[in-house]
Amino acid sequence: MNTAQAKRVLETALLCSAQPLSLREMRVLFEDALGADTLRHMLSDLQQEWAQRGLALVSVASGWRFQSRPELREFLDRLHPEKPPKYTRAALETLAIIAYRQPVTRGDMEDIRGVTINSQILKQLEDRGWVEVIGHRETVGRPGLYATTRQFLDDLGLASLDQLPLLSTVDHQTSALAGLVDEEPLQAALSLGTALEEAPQLVGADLFANDESGSPPLADEENPEHP
């Protein structure tokens, strides 16, 4: 198989894959006939070839994938005119604290927020695949230490936590996360002070939206009447 054929196979696999492809998976694609350096060179070539098209080839935490460009969101949104999902302040603050202060215990989060955190919020974030328990603090009760996952980075279109904006306060951190998740699933932007690349499509971003039964999302503990 020559380089042109290999690039065609790689391009097709990336376009057809529902999830990002890692270099290991790409090597399996070619039965280890191509090394990592060769694959990276092919990926770079594909990025240049798609530079003027509606899709961009990008690297995220789990690997490589194609995603739509931000300037096309106006048109793509016409295919999905649903209203954006609603999110609670409590859920956004909890996610922001974990993202910027990880690893943290539930007690750490409550100390920062100043209120008790509803256990259902953490369960929802875990079910969404955004956070997970990565260990336990060696103290009384051995509380779980929460951190974000690769799925969290993938949904934001980031390759690592280093690409999160550098923010000084939890309030600003929460605003940044709110800027991401308050948008519709097709495109979302995470920015505050330092501009961050547009986030890609957020799969299943209706985690905190009302369910079919009409039950409202979890309310903020400090102000139950105003989620």
C-alpha atoms as a PDB file:
ATOM      1  CA  MET A   1       0.000   0.000   0.000  1.00  0.00           C
ATOM      2  CA  ASN A   2       1.473   3.336  -1.022  1.00  0.00           C
ATOM      3  CA  THR A   3       1.232   6.569   0.960  1.00  0.00           C
ATOM      4  CA  ALA A   4      -1.737   7.926  -0.997  1.00  0.00           C
ATOM      5  CA  GLN A   5      -3.726   4.742  -0.423  1.00  0.00           C
ATOM      6  CA  ALA A   6      -2.822   4.655   3.265  1.00  0.00           C
ATOM      7  CA  LYS A   7      -3.889   8.276   3.681  1.00  0.00           C
ATOM      8  CA  ARG A   8      -7.199   7.493   1.996  1.00  0.00           C
ATOM      9  CA  VAL A   9      -7.807   4.585   4.396  1.00  0.00           C
ATOM     10  CA  LEU A  10      -6.911   6.743   7.395  1.00  0.00           C
ATOM     11  CA  GLU A  11      -9.130   9.603   6.238  1.00  0.00           C
ATOM     12  CA  THR A  12     -12.077   7.240   5.740  1.00  0.00           C
ATOM     13  CA  ALA A  13     -11.606   5.638   9.148  1.00  0.00           C
ATOM     14  CA  LEU A  14     -11.532   9.034  10.854  1.00  0.00           C
ATOM     15  CA  LEU A  15     -14.632  10.249   9.020  1.00  0.00           C
ATOM     16  CA  CYS A  16     -16.591   7.079   9.796  1.00  0.00           C
ATOM     17  CA  SER A  17     -15.555   6.698  13.433  1.00  0.00           C
ATOM     18  CA  ALA A  18     -18.042   7.817  16.072  1.00  0.00           C
ATOM     19  CA  GLN A  19     -15.214   8.337  18.561  1.00  0.00           C
ATOM     20  CA  PRO A  20     -11.714   9.840  18.323  1.00  0.00           C
ATOM     21  CA  LEU A  21      -9.088   7.406  17.041  1.00  0.00           C
ATOM     22  CA  SER A  22      -5.854   6.980  18.982  1.00  0.00           C
ATOM     23  CA  LEU A  23      -2.514   6.313  17.328  1.00  0.00           C
ATOM     24  CA  ARG A  24      -2.682   2.762  18.663  1.00  0.00           C
ATOM     25  CA  GLU A  25      -5.996   2.195  16.896  1.00  0.00           C
ATOM     26  CA  MET A  26      -4.586   3.685  13.709  1.00  0.00           C
ATOM     27  CA  ARG A  27      -1.671   1.251  13.844  1.00  0.00           C
ATOM     28  CA  VAL A  28      -4.146  -1.609  14.220  1.00  0.00           C
ATOM     29  CA  LEU A  29      -5.886  -0.246  11.138  1.00  0.00           C
ATOM     30  CA  PHE A  30      -2.695  -0.910   9.175  1.00  0.00           C
ATOM     31  CA  GLU A  31      -1.710  -4.073  11.084  1.00  0.00           C
ATOM     32  CA  ASP A  32       1.307  -2.236  12.544  1.00  0.00           C
ATOM     33  CA  ALA A  33       2.766  -1.710   9.081  1.00  0.00           C
ATOM     34  CA  LEU A  34       2.962   2.041   9.751  1.00  0.00           C
ATOM     35  CA  GLY A  35       4.757   3.573  12.736  1.00  0.00           C
ATOM     36  CA  ALA A  36       3.590   6.431  14.932  1.00  0.00           C
ATOM     37  CA  ASP A  37       5.824   9.002  13.211  1.00  0.00           C
ATOM     38  CA  THR A  38       4.484   8.045   9.788  1.00  0.00           C
ATOM     39  CA  LEU A  39       0.916   8.312  11.039  1.00  0.00           C
ATOM     40  CA  ARG A  40       1.577  11.739  12.560  1.00  0.00           C
ATOM     41  CA  HIS A  41       2.976  12.915   9.234  1.00  0.00           C
ATOM     42  CA  MET A  42      -0.131  11.641   7.439  1.00  0.00           C
ATOM     43  CA  LEU A  43      -2.373  13.348   9.996  1.00  0.00           C
ATOM     44  CA  SER A  44      -0.512  16.610   9.436  1.00  0.00           C
ATOM     45  CA  ASP A  45      -1.000  16.248   5.681  1.00  0.00           C
ATOM     46  CA  LEU A  46      -4.716  15.618   6.153  1.00  0.00           C
ATOM     47  CA  GLN A  47      -5.025  18.696   8.373  1.00  0.00           C
ATOM     48  CA  GLN A  48      -3.542  20.831   5.614  1.00  0.00           C
ATOM     49  CA  GLU A  49      -5.716  19.252   2.924  1.00  0.00           C
ATOM     50  CA  TRP A  50      -8.859  19.966   4.952  1.00  0.00           C
ATOM     51  CA  ALA A  51      -7.792  23.485   5.976  1.00  0.00           C
ATOM     52  CA  GLN A  52     -10.255  25.166   3.597  1.00  0.00           C
ATOM     53  CA  ARG A  53     -13.138  22.761   4.124  1.00  0.00           C
ATOM     54  CA  GLY A  54     -16.061  22.722   6.523  1.00  0.00           C
ATOM     55  CA  LEU A  55     -14.535  20.022   8.717  1.00  0.00           C
ATOM     56  CA  ALA A  56     -11.287  20.242  10.660  1.00  0.00           C
ATOM     57  CA  LEU A  57      -9.062  17.369  11.793  1.00  0.00           C
ATOM     58  CA  VAL A  58      -8.128  17.977  15.432  1.00  0.00           C
ATOM     59  CA  SER A  59      -6.359  16.222  18.280  1.00  0.00           C
ATOM     60  CA  VAL A  60      -8.297  15.716  21.530  1.00  0.00           C
ATOM     61  CA  ALA A  61      -7.572  13.758  24.707  1.00  0.00           C
ATOM     62  CA  SER A  62      -8.641  10.379  23.287  1.00  0.00           C
ATOM     63  CA  GLY A  63      -7.107  10.751  19.851  1.00  0.00           C
ATOM     64  CA  TRP A  64      -7.930  12.399  16.512  1.00  0.00           C
ATOM     65  CA  ARG A  65     -11.288  13.270  14.954  1.00  0.00           C
ATOM     66  CA  PHE A  66     -13.020  15.465  12.411  1.00  0.00           C
ATOM     67  CA  GLN A  67     -15.351  18.200  13.697  1.00  0.00           C
ATOM     68  CA  SER A  68     -17.257  21.085  12.155  1.00  0.00           C
ATOM     69  CA  ARG A  69     -15.774  24.560  12.114  1.00  0.00           C
ATOM     70  CA  PRO A  70     -17.293  27.229  14.424  1.00  0.00           C
ATOM     71  CA  GLU A  71     -18.164  29.617  11.589  1.00  0.00           C
ATOM     72  CA  LEU A  72     -20.614  27.056  10.205  1.00  0.00           C
ATOM     73  CA  ARG A  73     -22.583  26.743  13.415  1.00  0.00           C
ATOM     74  CA  GLU A  74     -25.185  29.270  12.273  1.00  0.00           C
ATOM     75  CA  PHE A  75     -26.152  26.962   9.426  1.00  0.00           C
ATOM     76  CA  LEU A  76     -25.880  23.653  11.295  1.00  0.00           C
ATOM     77  CA  ASP A  77     -28.089  24.975  14.098  1.00  0.00           C
ATOM     78  CA  ARG A  78     -30.942  25.204  11.604  1.00  0.00           C
ATOM     79  CA  LEU A  79     -31.003  21.408  11.547  1.00  0.00           C
ATOM     80  CA  HIS A  80     -31.323  21.310  15.340  1.00  0.00           C
ATOM     81  CA  PRO A  81     -33.581  24.214  16.364  1.00  0.00           C
ATOM     82  CA  GLU A  82     -34.331  22.801  19.830  1.00  0.00           C
ATOM     83  CA  LYS A  83     -33.895  25.133  22.781  1.00  0.00           C
ATOM     84  CA  PRO A  84     -30.622  24.775  24.719  1.00  0.00           C
ATOM     85  CA  PRO A  85     -30.843  22.511  27.794  1.00  0.00           C
ATOM     86  CA  LYS A  86     -31.092  24.111  31.230  1.00  0.00           C
ATOM     87  CA  TYR A  87     -28.317  23.664  33.784  1.00  0.00           C
ATOM     88  CA  THR A  88     -28.307  24.412  37.482  1.00  0.00           C
ATOM     89  CA  ARG A  89     -25.825  26.763  39.067  1.00  0.00           C
ATOM     90  CA  ALA A  90     -24.965  24.029  41.563  1.00  0.00           C
ATOM     91  CA  ALA A  91     -24.051  21.562  38.811  1.00  0.00           C
ATOM     92  CA  LEU A  92     -21.940  24.117  36.930  1.00  0.00           C
ATOM     93  CA  GLU A  93     -20.083  25.198  40.054  1.00  0.00           C
ATOM     94  CA  THR A  94     -19.410  21.596  41.057  1.00  0.00           C
ATOM     95  CA  LEU A  95     -18.069  20.742  37.604  1.00  0.00           C
ATOM     96  CA  ALA A  96     -15.918  23.881  37.553  1.00  0.00           C
ATOM     97  CA  ILE A  97     -14.402  23.127  40.959  1.00  0.00           C
ATOM     98  CA  ILE A  98     -13.507  19.586  39.932  1.00  0.00           C
ATOM     99  CA  ALA A  99     -12.083  20.757  36.612  1.00  0.00           C
ATOM    100  CA  TYR A 100      -9.822  23.433  38.086  1.00  0.00           C
ATOM    101  CA  ARG A 101      -8.990  22.059  41.546  1.00  0.00           C
ATOM    102  CA  GLN A 102      -8.740  18.316  40.928  1.00  0.00           C
ATOM    103  CA  PRO A 103      -8.366  15.961  42.594  1.00  0.00           C
ATOM    104  CA  VAL A 104     -10.889  17.105  45.205  1.00  0.00           C
ATOM    105  CA  THR A 105     -13.192  15.423  47.702  1.00  0.00           C
ATOM    106  CA  ARG A 106     -16.848  16.212  48.147  1.00  0.00           C
ATOM    107  CA  GLY A 107     -15.866  17.995  51.352  1.00  0.00           C
ATOM    108  CA  ASP A 108     -13.424  20.197  49.422  1.00  0.00           C
ATOM    109  CA  MET A 109     -16.167  21.130  46.982  1.00  0.00           C
ATOM    110  CA  GLU A 110     -18.573  21.974  49.788  1.00  0.00           C
ATOM    111  CA  ASP A 111     -15.952  24.128  51.512  1.00  0.00           C
ATOM    112  CA  ILE A 112     -15.393  26.086  48.292  1.00  0.00           C
ATOM    113  CA  ARG A 113     -19.092  26.460  47.452  1.00  0.00           C
ATOM    114  CA  GLY A 114     -20.116  27.051  51.067  1.00  0.00           C
ATOM    115  CA  VAL A 115     -23.133  24.721  50.798  1.00  0.00           C
ATOM    116  CA  THR A 116     -23.896  21.016  50.879  1.00  0.00           C
ATOM    117  CA  ILE A 117     -23.619  19.365  47.471  1.00  0.00           C
ATOM    118  CA  ASN A 118     -26.523  17.182  46.429  1.00  0.00           C
ATOM    119  CA  SER A 119     -25.167  13.668  45.860  1.00  0.00           C
ATOM    120  CA  GLN A 120     -27.341  13.423  42.730  1.00  0.00           C
ATOM    121  CA  ILE A 121     -25.249  16.131  41.084  1.00  0.00           C
ATOM    122  CA  LEU A 122     -22.064  14.099  41.428  1.00  0.00           C
ATOM    123  CA  LYS A 123     -23.900  11.007  40.207  1.00  0.00           C
ATOM    124  CA  GLN A 124     -25.110  12.864  37.117  1.00  0.00           C
ATOM    125  CA  LEU A 125     -21.612  14.106  36.350  1.00  0.00           C
ATOM    126  CA  GLU A 126     -20.288  10.562  36.734  1.00  0.00           C
ATOM    127  CA  ASP A 127     -23.074   9.102  34.579  1.00  0.00           C
ATOM    128  CA  ARG A 128     -22.286  11.707  31.909  1.00  0.00           C
ATOM    129  CA  GLY A 129     -18.702  10.468  31.930  1.00  0.00           C
ATOM    130  CA  TRP A 130     -17.255  13.868  32.857  1.00  0.00           C
ATOM    131  CA  VAL A 131     -15.917  13.011  36.343  1.00  0.00           C
ATOM    132  CA  GLU A 132     -14.740   9.920  38.181  1.00  0.00           C
ATOM    133  CA  VAL A 133     -13.240   8.851  41.516  1.00  0.00           C
ATOM    134  CA  ILE A 134      -9.520   8.264  40.977  1.00  0.00           C
ATOM    135  CA  GLY A 135      -8.561   7.386  44.552  1.00  0.00           C
ATOM    136  CA  HIS A 136      -9.190   8.128  48.209  1.00  0.00           C
ATOM    137  CA  ARG A 137      -7.680  10.647  50.606  1.00  0.00           C
ATOM    138  CA  GLU A 138      -5.900   9.005  53.517  1.00  0.00           C
ATOM    139  CA  THR A 139      -7.939  10.618  56.245  1.00  0.00           C
ATOM    140  CA  VAL A 140     -10.963   9.772  58.379  1.00  0.00           C
ATOM    141  CA  GLY A 141     -13.545   8.012  56.227  1.00  0.00           C
ATOM    142  CA  ARG A 142     -11.175   7.867  53.218  1.00  0.00           C
ATOM    143  CA  PRO A 143     -13.313  10.191  51.042  1.00  0.00           C
ATOM    144  CA  GLY A 144     -13.199   9.737  47.282  1.00  0.00           C
ATOM    145  CA  LEU A 145     -11.034  12.043  45.173  1.00  0.00           C
ATOM    146  CA  TYR A 146     -12.863  13.347  42.095  1.00  0.00           C
ATOM    147  CA  ALA A 147     -11.199  14.306  38.812  1.00  0.00           C
ATOM    148  CA  THR A 148     -12.309  14.936  35.255  1.00  0.00           C
ATOM    149  CA  THR A 149     -12.069  12.283  32.550  1.00  0.00           C
ATOM    150  CA  ARG A 150     -10.826  12.080  28.980  1.00  0.00           C
ATOM    151  CA  GLN A 151     -14.461  12.222  27.906  1.00  0.00           C
ATOM    152  CA  PHE A 152     -14.716  15.634  29.574  1.00  0.00           C
ATOM    153  CA  LEU A 153     -11.739  16.878  27.558  1.00  0.00           C
ATOM    154  CA  ASP A 154     -13.083  15.309  24.366  1.00  0.00           C
ATOM    155  CA  ASP A 155     -16.438  17.056  24.799  1.00  0.00           C
ATOM    156  CA  LEU A 156     -14.641  20.384  25.221  1.00  0.00           C
ATOM    157  CA  GLY A 157     -12.415  19.657  22.245  1.00  0.00           C
ATOM    158  CA  LEU A 158      -9.245  19.757  24.356  1.00  0.00           C
ATOM    159  CA  ALA A 159      -6.185  17.520  24.317  1.00  0.00           C
ATOM    160  CA  SER A 160      -5.196  18.171  27.944  1.00  0.00           C
ATOM    161  CA  LEU A 161      -6.138  20.096  31.073  1.00  0.00           C
ATOM    162  CA  ASP A 162      -3.346  22.551  30.280  1.00  0.00           C
ATOM    163  CA  GLN A 163      -5.619  23.998  27.601  1.00  0.00           C
ATOM    164  CA  LEU A 164      -8.245  25.104  30.119  1.00  0.00           C
ATOM    165  CA  PRO A 165      -8.206  28.894  30.652  1.00  0.00           C
ATOM    166  CA  LEU A 166      -6.074  30.019  33.599  1.00  0.00           C
ATOM    167  CA  LEU A 167      -8.603  31.508  35.999  1.00  0.00           C
ATOM    168  CA  SER A 168      -8.009  32.875  39.468  1.00  0.00           C
ATOM    169  CA  THR A 169     -11.348  32.342  41.214  1.00  0.00           C
ATOM    170  CA  VAL A 170     -14.033  29.698  41.348  1.00  0.00           C
ATOM    171  CA  ASP A 171     -16.636  32.266  40.287  1.00  0.00           C
ATOM    172  CA  HIS A 172     -14.685  32.942  37.094  1.00  0.00           C
ATOM    173  CA  GLN A 173     -14.168  29.236  36.605  1.00  0.00           C
ATOM    174  CA  THR A 174     -17.896  28.672  36.883  1.00  0.00           C
ATOM    175  CA  SER A 175     -18.551  31.425  34.343  1.00  0.00           C
ATOM    176  CA  ALA A 176     -16.195  29.740  31.918  1.00  0.00           C
ATOM    177  CA  LEU A 177     -17.925  26.382  32.251  1.00  0.00           C
ATOM    178  CA  ALA A 178     -21.311  28.078  31.973  1.00  0.00           C
ATOM    179  CA  GLY A 179     -20.136  29.640  28.726  1.00  0.00           C
ATOM    180  CA  LEU A 180     -19.568  26.147  27.442  1.00  0.00           C
ATOM    181  CA  VAL A 181     -22.546  24.155  28.601  1.00  0.00           C
ATOM    182  CA  ASP A 182     -25.287  26.751  28.217  1.00  0.00           C
ATOM    183  CA  GLU A 183     -24.870  26.494  24.456  1.00  0.00           C
ATOM    184  CA  GLU A 184     -26.599  23.956  22.229  1.00  0.00           C
ATOM    185  CA  PRO A 185     -24.840  20.626  21.643  1.00  0.00           C
ATOM    186  CA  LEU A 186     -23.635  21.410  18.111  1.00  0.00           C
ATOM    187  CA  GLN A 187     -20.995  23.946  19.102  1.00  0.00           C
ATOM    188  CA  ALA A 188     -19.844  25.565  22.334  1.00  0.00           C
ATOM    189  CA  ALA A 189     -17.114  27.966  23.267  1.00  0.00           C
ATOM    190  CA  LEU A 190     -15.112  28.077  26.455  1.00  0.00           C
ATOM    191  CA  SER A 191     -13.413  31.430  26.945  1.00  0.00           C
ATOM    192  CA  LEU A 192     -12.632  33.934  29.670  1.00  0.00           C
ATOM    193  CA  GLY A 193      -9.763  36.409  29.363  1.00  0.00           C
ATOM    194  CA  THR A 194      -7.577  34.116  27.267  1.00  0.00           C
ATOM    195  CA  ALA A 195      -9.318  32.962  24.101  1.00  0.00           C
ATOM    196  CA  LEU A 196      -9.758  29.212  23.793  1.00  0.00           C
ATOM    197  CA  GLU A 197     -10.408  27.250  20.661  1.00  0.00           C
ATOM    198  CA  GLU A 198     -14.057  26.560  19.879  1.00  0.00           C
ATOM    199  CA  ALA A 199     -15.301  23.383  21.514  1.00  0.00           C
ATOM    200  CA  PRO A 200     -16.711  20.692  19.208  1.00  0.00           C
ATOM    201  CA  GLN A 201     -20.068  19.030  19.214  1.00  0.00           C
ATOM    202  CA  LEU A 202     -21.090  17.962  22.740  1.00  0.00           C
ATOM    203  CA  VAL A 203     -22.601  14.527  22.536  1.00  0.00           C
ATOM    204  CA  GLY A 204     -25.414  14.035  25.020  1.00  0.00           C
ATOM    205  CA  ALA A 205     -25.127  17.564  26.381  1.00  0.00           C
ATOM    206  CA  ASP A 206     -28.711  17.404  27.654  1.00  0.00           C
ATOM    207  CA  LEU A 207     -27.574  15.770  30.905  1.00  0.00           C
ATOM    208  CA  PHE A 208     -29.178  18.434  33.044  1.00  0.00           C
ATOM    209  CA  ALA A 209     -32.137  19.176  30.802  1.00  0.00           C
ATOM    210  CA  ASN A 210     -35.694  18.463  31.865  1.00  0.00           C
ATOM    211  CA  ASP A 211     -36.640  14.843  31.311  1.00  0.00           C
ATOM    212  CA  GLU A 212     -39.721  13.659  29.448  1.00  0.00           C
ATOM    213  CA  SER A 213     -41.716  13.548  32.657  1.00  0.00           C
ATOM    214  CA  GLY A 214     -41.351  17.303  32.991  1.00  0.00           C
ATOM    215  CA  SER A 215     -39.315  17.122  36.192  1.00  0.00           C
ATOM    216  CA  PRO A 216     -37.157  20.240  36.590  1.00  0.00           C
ATOM    217  CA  PRO A 217     -33.374  20.029  36.849  1.00  0.00           C
ATOM    218  CA  LEU A 218     -31.767  19.963  40.281  1.00  0.00           C
ATOM    219  CA  ALA A 219     -32.085  23.317  42.009  1.00  0.00           C
ATOM    220  CA  ASP A 220     -29.204  25.143  43.632  1.00  0.00           C
ATOM    221  CA  GLU A 221     -29.158  24.369  47.338  1.00  0.00           C
ATOM    222  CA  GLU A 222     -28.871  28.019  48.360  1.00  0.00           C
ATOM    223  CA  ASN A 223     -31.918  29.072  46.356  1.00  0.00           C
ATOM    224  CA  PRO A 224     -34.223  26.130  45.553  1.00  0.00           C
ATOM    225  CA  GLU A 225     -36.842  28.297  43.855  1.00  0.00           C
ATOM    226  CA  HIS A 226     -34.376  29.559  41.256  1.00  0.00           C
ATOM    227  CA  PRO A 227     -32.281  26.730  39.727  1.00  0.00           C
END
